Amino acid sequence: MSNHSIIQETYDRGQGILRLKPVFVPRRFAQAGRRLRLHPDDYYALGTERGSIKERWFSSVIPAMNGPLAPSDEGMSYVAADEDGSVVFLFKDAVEQLGSLLIGETLYERYGTWPMYAKFFDYETPLFHHLHLDDAAASLVGRIGKPEAYYFPPQLNNHLGVFPVTYFGYDPDTTLDEVRERLLKYEEADNRITELSRAYRIQLGTGWYTPPGVVHAPGSVLTYEPQWNSDVNSVHENIVSGETYPYEFLTENCPKDRKRDIEYILSLMDWEKNTDPHYKRHYYRPPLLCGHSDERHAEKWVTYGNPYIGAKELTVNPGQSVIVRDSAAYGTVLVQGHGRFGPHQAEAANMLRFGQMSGDEFFVSETAAREGVRIVNDSKWEPMVFLKHFGPNHPEMP
């Protein structure tokens, strides 16, 4: 059977719902939080030179930018064409073949692909203070900008790591000269740049939206991160938890002739947003309960209020059966419970081996989302909890 036929047959058999295989991504920096429900022996499944596994990606059509040692498809999602995942095809190929049937006319006509993905981001130690480029700056190195959002799911945070606090931007009284002075010390000594920032203690069950150009240092909590199809950074902090980062981390996404241009590096910031005196008011995202919630289920918006990405948390109570409708395609991961998701068996992962198939990740076509997905919670005691990520076209996103 041709790949074209396998994709169509899988889509039809799943009634417009695809079952995806887990995608784990290593990183060479920082320490793994070990909350990804991956077997303890598998955090170095790709070898010590690649680093420990710290992320799991969902509904991704792009590869991780992980250097020359990484395979070309690292980070890209695969769809399971059979029960055990022995026959698979790229989610990207499904999007290209099925087009608007899968992701809807709006997204397909505007982007030609699925424009976002989500990840579990799992670090024991805090990350470096860094920003993501906007479209204008990213275009100079052949990339696109990166807005992102965070939600902190209680189900995956049995511990909060060593520093459950996130820095955003710079204190409103900070001057550009002070930031310039710290960045000019990047290769000399610890620039301690978060002394100029402000921090917020992480609250589980809440989240934030982070626009491009805003410097931030994520805390040590496992984070559900819906984001745009890009990964373009400029790292302002050179030493974190005793780990040193080279100058290339500051300038890796600068044009070659701008890598020593401090004014250009500073221009990557959106200074107004970084020093917003009401930053929390504008970018903190407490959950918003959807009006269709009832005694059988509850759905909350957890990412909203931006022109790029949206996300919900859906809880189906024990023993309940519901039909849940959305006006846009979405990816989803089940983080608690077991039952049925459309025609598929569904169960939250407890402990996966690297490369093992799971029953916790799906992609729902716009057609299936509009018709409604029947979800049956087979447990008498435990809720089913899904995280659902959308592109920019859900008409009900606040």
Foldseek 3Di string as FASTA:
>chain_A
DDPLVLLVVLCVVLVQKFAWFKAWAFALDAAFQPLPLAPPVCQQVVHPVQHGTFKIKFQAPAADPRDDVDPRCHRWIWTASDDFSPDIDTSFVSCQNCPCQFFHDVCCVVPVGAWWIKMWGAHLFKAFWKFWFAQVLLVVQPFHTKKKKKAFAPLRPPDQHDWQKKWKFFALPDDPVLLLVLQVCLPPDFSPVCVGTDMDHDDHQAMWIDGGQMTMIHGRGTIIMMMTNGDGMAGSGQATPRDGDDLCSRDVSGPPVCSVPSVVSSVRHPNCQSHPPPNCVQIIGHWAWDPVDDPQKTKTWRDFDDQWKTKMKIKGDAQDKDWAAFQGKKKKFKSAAWWDKAPATAHHRNYDYVPTGHRTIMIGGNVDRHVTIITGGHGNHIITMMMIMGTRPGPPGD
